[in-house]
C-alpha atoms as a PDB file:
ATOM      1  CA  MET A   1      15.037 -86.580   7.828  1.00  0.00           C
ATOM      2  CA  THR A   2      13.814 -89.954   8.866  1.00  0.00           C
ATOM      3  CA  SER A   3      10.775 -90.396  10.760  1.00  0.00           C
ATOM      4  CA  ASN A   4       8.871 -93.238  12.568  1.00  0.00           C
ATOM      5  CA  PHE A   5       5.660 -91.805  10.849  1.00  0.00           C
ATOM      6  CA  HIS A   6       3.566 -93.012  14.049  1.00  0.00           C
ATOM      7  CA  PHE A   7      -0.055 -93.098  12.767  1.00  0.00           C
ATOM      8  CA  ARG A   8      -3.244 -92.654  14.962  1.00  0.00           C
ATOM      9  CA  GLU A   9      -6.627 -94.389  14.259  1.00  0.00           C
ATOM     10  CA  LYS A  10      -9.055 -91.995  12.733  1.00  0.00           C
ATOM     11  CA  TYR A  11     -11.638 -90.836  15.312  1.00  0.00           C
ATOM     12  CA  ARG A  12     -10.359 -92.984  18.015  1.00  0.00           C
ATOM     13  CA  GLY A  13      -6.857 -91.361  18.829  1.00  0.00           C
ATOM     14  CA  GLU A  14      -5.322 -94.892  19.529  1.00  0.00           C
ATOM     15  CA  ASP A  15      -1.859 -95.495  18.677  1.00  0.00           C
ATOM     16  CA  ARG A  16      -1.342 -98.380  15.996  1.00  0.00           C
ATOM     17  CA  VAL A  17       0.987-101.054  17.242  1.00  0.00           C
ATOM     18  CA  PRO A  18       2.837-103.463  15.270  1.00  0.00           C
ATOM     19  CA  GLU A  19       1.347-106.744  14.289  1.00  0.00           C
ATOM     20  CA  SER A  20       2.320-110.143  12.910  1.00  0.00           C
ATOM     21  CA  ASN A  21       1.952-110.659   9.133  1.00  0.00           C
ATOM     22  CA  GLY A  22      -1.070-112.942   9.845  1.00  0.00           C
ATOM     23  CA  SER A  23      -2.988-110.743  12.075  1.00  0.00           C
ATOM     24  CA  ARG A  24      -2.302-107.816   9.813  1.00  0.00           C
ATOM     25  CA  ASP A  25      -3.821-109.381   6.721  1.00  0.00           C
ATOM     26  CA  LYS A  26      -6.705-110.626   8.426  1.00  0.00           C
ATOM     27  CA  ARG A  27      -7.315-107.345   9.896  1.00  0.00           C
ATOM     28  CA  ARG A  28      -6.972-105.504   6.399  1.00  0.00           C
ATOM     29  CA  ASP A  29     -10.133-107.491   5.263  1.00  0.00           C
ATOM     30  CA  ASN A  30     -12.154-106.315   8.356  1.00  0.00           C
ATOM     31  CA  MET A  31     -10.608-102.845   9.268  1.00  0.00           C
ATOM     32  CA  ASP A  32     -12.803-101.047   6.674  1.00  0.00           C
ATOM     33  CA  SER A  33     -16.180-102.127   8.321  1.00  0.00           C
ATOM     34  CA  ASP A  34     -15.538 -99.566  11.305  1.00  0.00           C
ATOM     35  CA  THR A  35     -18.767 -97.836  12.011  1.00  0.00           C
ATOM     36  CA  PRO A  36     -18.909 -94.077  10.885  1.00  0.00           C
ATOM     37  CA  GLU A  37     -18.811 -92.783  14.516  1.00  0.00           C
ATOM     38  CA  ALA A  38     -18.002 -89.225  13.547  1.00  0.00           C
ATOM     39  CA  GLY A  39     -19.909 -88.679  10.349  1.00  0.00           C
ATOM     40  CA  GLY A  40     -23.485 -90.444  10.848  1.00  0.00           C
ATOM     41  CA  SER A  41     -25.655 -90.631   8.002  1.00  0.00           C
ATOM     42  CA  MET A  42     -23.388 -88.637   5.781  1.00  0.00           C
ATOM     43  CA  HIS A  43     -20.883 -91.308   6.072  1.00  0.00           C
ATOM     44  CA  ILE A  44     -23.317 -94.311   5.553  1.00  0.00           C
ATOM     45  CA  GLU A  45     -24.787 -92.589   2.373  1.00  0.00           C
ATOM     46  CA  ALA A  46     -20.943 -92.175   1.021  1.00  0.00           C
ATOM     47  CA  ASP A  47     -20.349 -96.021   1.463  1.00  0.00           C
ATOM     48  CA  ARG A  48     -23.577 -96.932  -0.055  1.00  0.00           C
ATOM     49  CA  THR A  49     -23.223 -94.816  -3.046  1.00  0.00           C
ATOM     50  CA  MET A  50     -19.704 -95.925  -3.459  1.00  0.00           C
ATOM     51  CA  GLY A  51     -20.806 -99.629  -3.070  1.00  0.00           C
ATOM     52  CA  GLU A  52     -23.498 -99.185  -5.804  1.00  0.00           C
ATOM     53  CA  ARG A  53     -20.809 -97.687  -8.056  1.00  0.00           C
ATOM     54  CA  ILE A  54     -18.347-100.579  -7.677  1.00  0.00           C
ATOM     55  CA  ARG A  55     -21.310-103.176  -8.107  1.00  0.00           C
ATOM     56  CA  ALA A  56     -22.273-101.386 -11.429  1.00  0.00           C
ATOM     57  CA  LEU A  57     -18.740-101.383 -12.803  1.00  0.00           C
ATOM     58  CA  ARG A  58     -18.289-105.015 -12.091  1.00  0.00           C
ATOM     59  CA  ARG A  59     -21.672-106.055 -13.594  1.00  0.00           C
ATOM     60  CA  GLU A  60     -21.062-103.959 -16.637  1.00  0.00           C
ATOM     61  CA  ARG A  61     -17.836-105.905 -17.242  1.00  0.00           C
ATOM     62  CA  SER A  62     -19.670-109.360 -16.499  1.00  0.00           C
ATOM     63  CA  LEU A  63     -17.239-109.871 -13.783  1.00  0.00           C
ATOM     64  CA  SER A  64     -17.763-111.933 -10.583  1.00  0.00           C
ATOM     65  CA  LEU A  65     -16.773-110.990  -6.984  1.00  0.00           C
ATOM     66  CA  MET A  66     -14.218-113.963  -7.217  1.00  0.00           C
ATOM     67  CA  ASP A  67     -12.767-112.259 -10.408  1.00  0.00           C
ATOM     68  CA  ILE A  68     -12.154-109.151  -8.462  1.00  0.00           C
ATOM     69  CA  ALA A  69     -10.883-111.033  -5.516  1.00  0.00           C
ATOM     70  CA  GLN A  70      -8.184-112.708  -7.787  1.00  0.00           C
ATOM     71  CA  ARG A  71      -7.172-109.386  -9.338  1.00  0.00           C
ATOM     72  CA  THR A  72      -7.085-107.312  -6.102  1.00  0.00           C
ATOM     73  CA  GLY A  73      -6.041-109.847  -3.387  1.00  0.00           C
ATOM     74  CA  TYR A  74      -9.043-108.962  -1.201  1.00  0.00           C
ATOM     75  CA  SER A  75     -11.448-111.674   0.052  1.00  0.00           C
ATOM     76  CA  VAL A  76     -15.062-112.219  -1.649  1.00  0.00           C
ATOM     77  CA  GLY A  77     -16.521-111.482   1.664  1.00  0.00           C
ATOM     78  CA  TYR A  78     -14.826-108.257   2.062  1.00  0.00           C
ATOM     79  CA  LEU A  79     -15.619-107.031  -1.568  1.00  0.00           C
ATOM     80  CA  SER A  80     -19.199-108.060  -0.940  1.00  0.00           C
ATOM     81  CA  GLN A  81     -19.426-105.893   2.140  1.00  0.00           C
ATOM     82  CA  ILE A  82     -17.918-102.877   0.140  1.00  0.00           C
ATOM     83  CA  GLU A  83     -20.642-103.183  -2.503  1.00  0.00           C
ATOM     84  CA  ARG A  84     -23.385-103.386  -0.117  1.00  0.00           C
ATOM     85  CA  GLY A  85     -22.122-100.241   1.664  1.00  0.00           C
ATOM     86  CA  LEU A  86     -21.110-102.183   4.793  1.00  0.00           C
ATOM     87  CA  SER A  87     -17.500-101.235   4.649  1.00  0.00           C
ATOM     88  CA  SER A  88     -15.600 -98.272   4.070  1.00  0.00           C
ATOM     89  CA  PRO A  89     -12.601 -98.893   1.761  1.00  0.00           C
ATOM     90  CA  SER A  90      -9.262 -97.134   2.186  1.00  0.00           C
ATOM     91  CA  LEU A  91      -7.618 -95.065  -0.608  1.00  0.00           C
ATOM     92  CA  ARG A  92      -5.402 -98.083  -1.457  1.00  0.00           C
ATOM     93  CA  THR A  93      -8.371-100.439  -1.784  1.00  0.00           C
ATOM     94  CA  MET A  94      -9.971 -97.885  -4.207  1.00  0.00           C
ATOM     95  CA  VAL A  95      -6.754 -97.774  -6.214  1.00  0.00           C
ATOM     96  CA  ALA A  96      -6.759-101.584  -6.487  1.00  0.00           C
ATOM     97  CA  LEU A  97     -10.434-101.534  -7.497  1.00  0.00           C
ATOM     98  CA  GLY A  98      -9.700 -99.068 -10.266  1.00  0.00           C
ATOM     99  CA  GLU A  99      -7.115-101.147 -11.580  1.00  0.00           C
ATOM    100  CA  ALA A 100      -9.080-104.195 -11.563  1.00  0.00           C
ATOM    101  CA  PHE A 101     -11.765-102.526 -13.514  1.00  0.00           C
ATOM    102  CA  GLY A 102      -9.063-101.164 -15.984  1.00  0.00           C
ATOM    103  CA  ILE A 103     -10.220 -97.546 -15.315  1.00  0.00           C
ATOM    104  CA  GLY A 104      -7.568 -96.201 -12.625  1.00  0.00           C
ATOM    105  CA  LEU A 105      -8.535 -94.422  -9.528  1.00  0.00           C
ATOM    106  CA  SER A 106     -10.051 -91.390 -11.447  1.00  0.00           C
ATOM    107  CA  GLY A 107     -12.875 -93.695 -12.912  1.00  0.00           C
ATOM    108  CA  LEU A 108     -14.338 -94.594  -9.588  1.00  0.00           C
ATOM    109  CA  PHE A 109     -15.508 -91.154  -8.510  1.00  0.00           C
ATOM    110  CA  SER A 110     -19.136 -91.394  -7.957  1.00  0.00           C
ATOM    111  CA  ARG A 111     -19.817 -88.039  -9.563  1.00  0.00           C
ATOM    112  CA  GLY A 112     -18.463 -85.426 -11.929  1.00  0.00           C
ATOM    113  CA  ALA A 113     -17.956 -84.727 -15.564  1.00  0.00           C
ATOM    114  CA  SER A 114     -16.436 -87.334 -18.040  1.00  0.00           C
ATOM    115  CA  ALA A 115     -14.708 -86.342 -21.310  1.00  0.00           C
ATOM    116  CA  SER A 116     -17.802 -86.843 -23.185  1.00  0.00           C
ATOM    117  CA  GLU A 117     -20.681 -85.081 -21.036  1.00  0.00           C
ATOM    118  CA  GLY A 118     -22.084 -81.727 -21.461  1.00  0.00           C
ATOM    119  CA  ASP A 119     -20.376 -78.997 -23.129  1.00  0.00           C
ATOM    120  CA  SER A 120     -17.010 -79.579 -21.571  1.00  0.00           C
ATOM    121  CA  ASP A 121     -15.512 -81.123 -24.542  1.00  0.00           C
ATOM    122  CA  GLY A 122     -13.257 -82.991 -22.344  1.00  0.00           C
ATOM    123  CA  VAL A 123     -11.512 -79.805 -21.173  1.00  0.00           C
ATOM    124  CA  VAL A 124     -13.658 -78.206 -18.236  1.00  0.00           C
ATOM    125  CA  VAL A 125     -14.961 -79.596 -15.038  1.00  0.00           C
ATOM    126  CA  ARG A 126     -17.361 -77.132 -13.361  1.00  0.00           C
ATOM    127  CA  ALA A 127     -17.112 -76.840  -9.531  1.00  0.00           C
ATOM    128  CA  SER A 128     -20.606 -78.292  -9.126  1.00  0.00           C
ATOM    129  CA  GLU A 129     -19.702 -81.421 -11.206  1.00  0.00           C
ATOM    130  CA  ARG A 130     -16.573 -82.453  -9.268  1.00  0.00           C
ATOM    131  CA  GLY A 131     -16.313 -86.262  -8.599  1.00  0.00           C
ATOM    132  CA  ARG A 132     -15.758 -86.720  -4.799  1.00  0.00           C
ATOM    133  CA  MET A 133     -14.623 -89.681  -2.877  1.00  0.00           C
ATOM    134  CA  ASP A 134     -15.235 -89.703   0.869  1.00  0.00           C
ATOM    135  CA  LEU A 135     -12.747 -92.108   2.604  1.00  0.00           C
ATOM    136  CA  TRP A 136     -13.862 -91.096   6.154  1.00  0.00           C
ATOM    137  CA  ARG A 137     -12.401 -94.160   7.865  1.00  0.00           C
ATOM    138  CA  THR A 138      -8.835 -92.554   7.265  1.00  0.00           C
ATOM    139  CA  GLY A 139      -9.947 -88.909   7.262  1.00  0.00           C
ATOM    140  CA  ILE A 140      -9.527 -88.043   3.399  1.00  0.00           C
ATOM    141  CA  ASP A 141     -11.987 -86.370   1.264  1.00  0.00           C
ATOM    142  CA  LYS A 142     -10.737 -86.367  -2.431  1.00  0.00           C
ATOM    143  CA  ALA A 143     -12.292 -84.386  -5.266  1.00  0.00           C
ATOM    144  CA  ILE A 144     -11.021 -84.860  -8.815  1.00  0.00           C
ATOM    145  CA  LEU A 145     -10.747 -81.552 -11.009  1.00  0.00           C
ATOM    146  CA  THR A 146      -9.904 -83.097 -14.355  1.00  0.00           C
ATOM    147  CA  PRO A 147     -12.295 -84.879 -16.717  1.00  0.00           C
ATOM    148  CA  HIS A 148     -12.009 -88.696 -16.516  1.00  0.00           C
ATOM    149  CA  ASP A 149     -10.385 -89.710 -19.821  1.00  0.00           C
ATOM    150  CA  GLU A 150      -8.030 -92.873 -20.211  1.00  0.00           C
ATOM    151  CA  ALA A 151      -6.565 -91.152 -23.301  1.00  0.00           C
ATOM    152  CA  PHE A 152      -4.867 -88.727 -20.844  1.00  0.00           C
ATOM    153  CA  GLY A 153      -2.300 -89.867 -17.980  1.00  0.00           C
ATOM    154  CA  LEU A 154      -2.647 -86.655 -15.922  1.00  0.00           C
ATOM    155  CA  ASP A 155      -5.095 -86.358 -13.094  1.00  0.00           C
ATOM    156  CA  LEU A 156      -5.484 -83.267 -10.647  1.00  0.00           C
ATOM    157  CA  TYR A 157      -7.152 -83.687  -7.168  1.00  0.00           C
ATOM    158  CA  LEU A 158      -8.087 -81.470  -4.224  1.00  0.00           C
ATOM    159  CA  MET A 159      -7.518 -83.433  -1.332  1.00  0.00           C
ATOM    160  CA  LYS A 160      -8.713 -82.695   2.295  1.00  0.00           C
ATOM    161  CA  ILE A 161      -7.116 -84.563   5.188  1.00  0.00           C
ATOM    162  CA  ALA A 162      -8.954 -84.296   8.477  1.00  0.00           C
ATOM    163  CA  PRO A 163      -7.061 -83.956  11.778  1.00  0.00           C
ATOM    164  CA  GLY A 164      -5.065 -87.175  12.253  1.00  0.00           C
ATOM    165  CA  GLY A 165      -6.143 -88.348   8.880  1.00  0.00           C
ATOM    166  CA  PHE A 166      -3.719 -90.576   6.690  1.00  0.00           C
ATOM    167  CA  SER A 167      -3.129 -92.341   3.418  1.00  0.00           C
ATOM    168  CA  ASP A 168      -2.562 -95.833   4.932  1.00  0.00           C
ATOM    169  CA  GLU A 169      -0.576 -97.317   7.777  1.00  0.00           C
ATOM    170  CA  ASP A 170       1.375 -99.345   5.021  1.00  0.00           C
ATOM    171  CA  PHE A 171       3.647 -97.644   2.442  1.00  0.00           C
ATOM    172  CA  PHE A 172       2.319 -97.503  -1.122  1.00  0.00           C
ATOM    173  CA  ALA A 173       4.128 -97.921  -4.629  1.00  0.00           C
ATOM    174  CA  HIS A 174       2.909 -98.065  -8.231  1.00  0.00           C
ATOM    175  CA  SER A 175       3.886 -96.719 -11.536  1.00  0.00           C
ATOM    176  CA  GLY A 176       3.807 -92.966 -12.468  1.00  0.00           C
ATOM    177  CA  GLU A 177       4.644 -89.542 -10.861  1.00  0.00           C
ATOM    178  CA  GLU A 178       3.055 -87.477  -8.306  1.00  0.00           C
ATOM    179  CA  ALA A 179       3.546 -83.589  -7.337  1.00  0.00           C
ATOM    180  CA  GLY A 180       1.544 -81.176  -5.409  1.00  0.00           C
ATOM    181  CA  VAL A 181       1.383 -78.148  -3.266  1.00  0.00           C
ATOM    182  CA  VAL A 182      -0.023 -77.804   0.373  1.00  0.00           C
ATOM    183  CA  ILE A 183      -2.599 -75.000   0.137  1.00  0.00           C
ATOM    184  CA  GLU A 184      -3.576 -75.271   3.800  1.00  0.00           C
ATOM    185  CA  GLY A 185      -2.322 -76.852   7.112  1.00  0.00           C
ATOM    186  CA  THR A 186       0.503 -79.168   7.534  1.00  0.00           C
ATOM    187  CA  MET A 187       1.174 -82.756   5.875  1.00  0.00           C
ATOM    188  CA  GLU A 188       4.024 -84.995   6.755  1.00  0.00           C
ATOM    189  CA  LEU A 189       5.004 -86.945   3.575  1.00  0.00           C
ATOM    190  CA  ASN A 190       7.184 -89.894   3.670  1.00  0.00           C
ATOM    191  CA  VAL A 191       8.972 -91.174   0.656  1.00  0.00           C
ATOM    192  CA  ALA A 192      11.189 -94.401   0.812  1.00  0.00           C
ATOM    193  CA  GLY A 193      11.776 -93.784   4.496  1.00  0.00           C
ATOM    194  CA  SER A 194      12.498 -90.215   4.429  1.00  0.00           C
ATOM    195  CA  SER A 195      10.081 -87.806   6.000  1.00  0.00           C
ATOM    196  CA  TRP A 196       9.301 -84.114   5.520  1.00  0.00           C
ATOM    197  CA  MET A 197       6.964 -81.852   7.281  1.00  0.00           C
ATOM    198  CA  LEU A 198       5.256 -79.592   4.802  1.00  0.00           C
ATOM    199  CA  GLN A 199       3.659 -76.326   5.821  1.00  0.00           C
ATOM    200  CA  THR A 200       1.287 -73.988   3.658  1.00  0.00           C
ATOM    201  CA  GLY A 201       2.836 -73.209   0.288  1.00  0.00           C
ATOM    202  CA  ASP A 202       5.415 -76.009   0.405  1.00  0.00           C
ATOM    203  CA  SER A 203       5.324 -78.384  -2.478  1.00  0.00           C
ATOM    204  CA  PHE A 204       6.888 -81.748  -3.645  1.00  0.00           C
ATOM    205  CA  ARG A 205       7.359 -84.342  -6.521  1.00  0.00           C
ATOM    206  CA  PHE A 206       8.328 -87.886  -6.561  1.00  0.00           C
ATOM    207  CA  ALA A 207       8.412 -90.970  -8.571  1.00  0.00           C
ATOM    208  CA  SER A 208       5.286 -93.140  -7.487  1.00  0.00           C
ATOM    209  CA  ASN A 209       7.418 -96.400  -7.554  1.00  0.00           C
ATOM    210  CA  ARG A 210       8.995 -95.251  -4.336  1.00  0.00           C
ATOM    211  CA  PRO A 211       7.274 -96.443  -1.356  1.00  0.00           C
ATOM    212  CA  HIS A 212       5.252 -93.341   0.083  1.00  0.00           C
ATOM    213  CA  ARG A 213       2.750 -92.383   2.622  1.00  0.00           C
ATOM    214  CA  TYR A 214       1.449 -89.169   4.094  1.00  0.00           C
ATOM    215  CA  ARG A 215      -0.732 -87.905   7.083  1.00  0.00           C
ATOM    216  CA  ASN A 216      -2.016 -84.804   8.674  1.00  0.00           C
ATOM    217  CA  PRO A 217      -0.056 -84.719  11.985  1.00  0.00           C
ATOM    218  CA  SER A 218      -2.348 -82.060  13.483  1.00  0.00           C
ATOM    219  CA  SER A 219      -4.963 -83.123  16.034  1.00  0.00           C
ATOM    220  CA  THR A 220      -7.128 -80.179  15.503  1.00  0.00           C
ATOM    221  CA  LEU A 221      -6.590 -78.441  12.108  1.00  0.00           C
ATOM    222  CA  PRO A 222      -7.388 -79.723   8.444  1.00  0.00           C
ATOM    223  CA  THR A 223      -4.923 -79.913   5.666  1.00  0.00           C
ATOM    224  CA  GLN A 224      -5.738 -79.207   2.028  1.00  0.00           C
ATOM    225  CA  VAL A 225      -3.550 -80.401  -0.905  1.00  0.00           C
ATOM    226  CA  LEU A 226      -3.643 -79.724  -4.455  1.00  0.00           C
ATOM    227  CA  TRP A 227      -2.293 -83.208  -5.875  1.00  0.00           C
ATOM    228  CA  ALA A 228      -1.444 -84.184  -9.403  1.00  0.00           C
ATOM    229  CA  THR A 229      -0.807 -87.825 -10.748  1.00  0.00           C
ATOM    230  CA  HIS A 230       0.558 -88.742 -13.953  1.00  0.00           C
ATOM    231  CA  THR A 231       0.187 -92.503 -15.074  1.00  0.00           C
ATOM    232  CA  PRO A 232       2.294 -93.732 -18.081  1.00  0.00           C
ATOM    233  CA  MET A 233       0.790 -94.261 -21.349  1.00  0.00           C
ATOM    234  CA  ASP A 234       0.657 -97.144 -23.527  1.00  0.00           C
ATOM    235  CA  PRO A 235       1.755 -95.751 -27.046  1.00  0.00           C
ATOM    236  CA  ALA A 236       0.167 -98.837 -28.692  1.00  0.00           C
ATOM    237  CA  LYS A 237      -3.173 -98.483 -27.110  1.00  0.00           C
ATOM    238  CA  GLY A 238      -3.338 -94.858 -26.448  1.00  0.00           C
ATOM    239  CA  THR A 239      -4.602 -95.586 -22.949  1.00  0.00           C
ATOM    240  CA  ARG A 240      -2.995 -95.545 -19.713  1.00  0.00           C
ATOM    241  CA  MET A 241      -0.698 -98.376 -18.520  1.00  0.00           C
ATOM    242  CA  PRO A 242      -1.764-100.435 -15.378  1.00  0.00           C
ATOM    243  CA  ARG A 243      -0.421 -98.680 -12.212  1.00  0.00           C
ATOM    244  CA  LYS A 244       0.323-102.181 -10.500  1.00  0.00           C
ATOM    245  CA  PRO A 245      -0.206-100.791  -6.825  1.00  0.00           C
ATOM    246  CA  VAL A 246       1.831-102.547  -4.549  1.00  0.00           C
ATOM    247  CA  PRO A 247       1.511-102.137  -0.347  1.00  0.00           C
ATOM    248  CA  LEU A 248       4.772-102.272   1.310  1.00  0.00           C
ATOM    249  CA  ARG A 249       6.182-102.329   4.874  1.00  0.00           C
ATOM    250  CA  GLN A 250       9.565-100.884   5.979  1.00  0.00           C
ATOM    251  CA  ASN A 251      11.806-103.284   7.744  1.00  0.00           C
ATOM    252  CA  PRO A 252      14.114-102.263  10.525  1.00  0.00           C
ATOM    253  CA  ASP A 253      17.189-102.115   8.080  1.00  0.00           C
ATOM    254  CA  GLY A 254      15.441 -99.536   6.023  1.00  0.00           C
ATOM    255  CA  THR A 255      14.298-102.105   3.174  1.00  0.00           C
ATOM    256  CA  PHE A 256      10.771-102.610   2.343  1.00  0.00           C
ATOM    257  CA  SER A 257       8.754-105.856   2.040  1.00  0.00           C
ATOM    258  CA  GLY A 258       5.182-106.944   1.321  1.00  0.00           C
ATOM    259  CA  GLY A 259       5.196-106.719  -2.390  1.00  0.00           C
ATOM    260  CA  PRO A 260       6.303-109.293  -5.108  1.00  0.00           C
ATOM    261  CA  ALA A 261       9.948-108.649  -4.333  1.00  0.00           C
ATOM    262  CA  GLU A 262      12.210-107.096  -1.583  1.00  0.00           C
ATOM    263  CA  VAL A 263      12.735-103.272  -2.219  1.00  0.00           C
ATOM    264  CA  ASP A 264      15.600-101.205  -1.273  1.00  0.00           C
ATOM    265  CA  PRO A 265      14.938 -97.513  -1.292  1.00  0.00           C
ATOM    266  CA  GLY A 266      18.642 -96.873  -2.454  1.00  0.00           C
ATOM    267  CA  ALA A 267      17.902 -98.808  -5.577  1.00  0.00           C
ATOM    268  CA  LEU A 268      14.720 -96.942  -6.506  1.00  0.00           C
ATOM    269  CA  SER A 269      15.001 -94.435  -9.305  1.00  0.00           C
ATOM    270  CA  ASP A 270      12.939 -91.655 -10.677  1.00  0.00           C
ATOM    271  CA  GLU A 271      12.622 -93.342 -14.078  1.00  0.00           C
END
């Protein structure tokens, strides 16, 4: 079933409207600086902690803001705002930053066990040690349930989506696979232009190179999803290959644009 997948702005209840490419690109650099209207100091602290984490990762690698801007496509000013805790990045922004640092999304979580910490031996993550990512601007709270280790391609997340929360207003595509199960509430999942309304107990799987996005359509009830991602491995290096995230928009004829090339959902495979 195909859907228009109409999003509403988190905490504002305003319908998003179509924009020109120029205004959309300009807004992308500024939209993450919305003030934390519904979370107060908790959201401010989350943004500050994440900003410090990103700055530390950049400095550890002797990278400049310009280096990261060139790798992600985001402006230096916007990246500086994120590092100072003045902007709340979206999930897509965090994926791009993880790729820029060469650690993937799972390496950006501000807390949690790693494969070399404590007595876990890279196997166990205690509930108290879970890394969390509070993406309050789009209503997503994400916890990683597996130790971060670039020698493994599989990550498992517990994702909470607030009423009206969503992944991004654009579609998103990258290498790898994804699968999951809705353990509470309702989620609308759109893959390559086809939409499904998933209820508690429903599950899914798709190739991540197919344009995808999701949301919680409820205005009152939260959603929880157990979400697994798999990133292809580089056999020569024994580490994950770059995911190469690409934002995409669906055109009236069903094709997708916005990335390095036009994408026809009928031509996308699960390989």
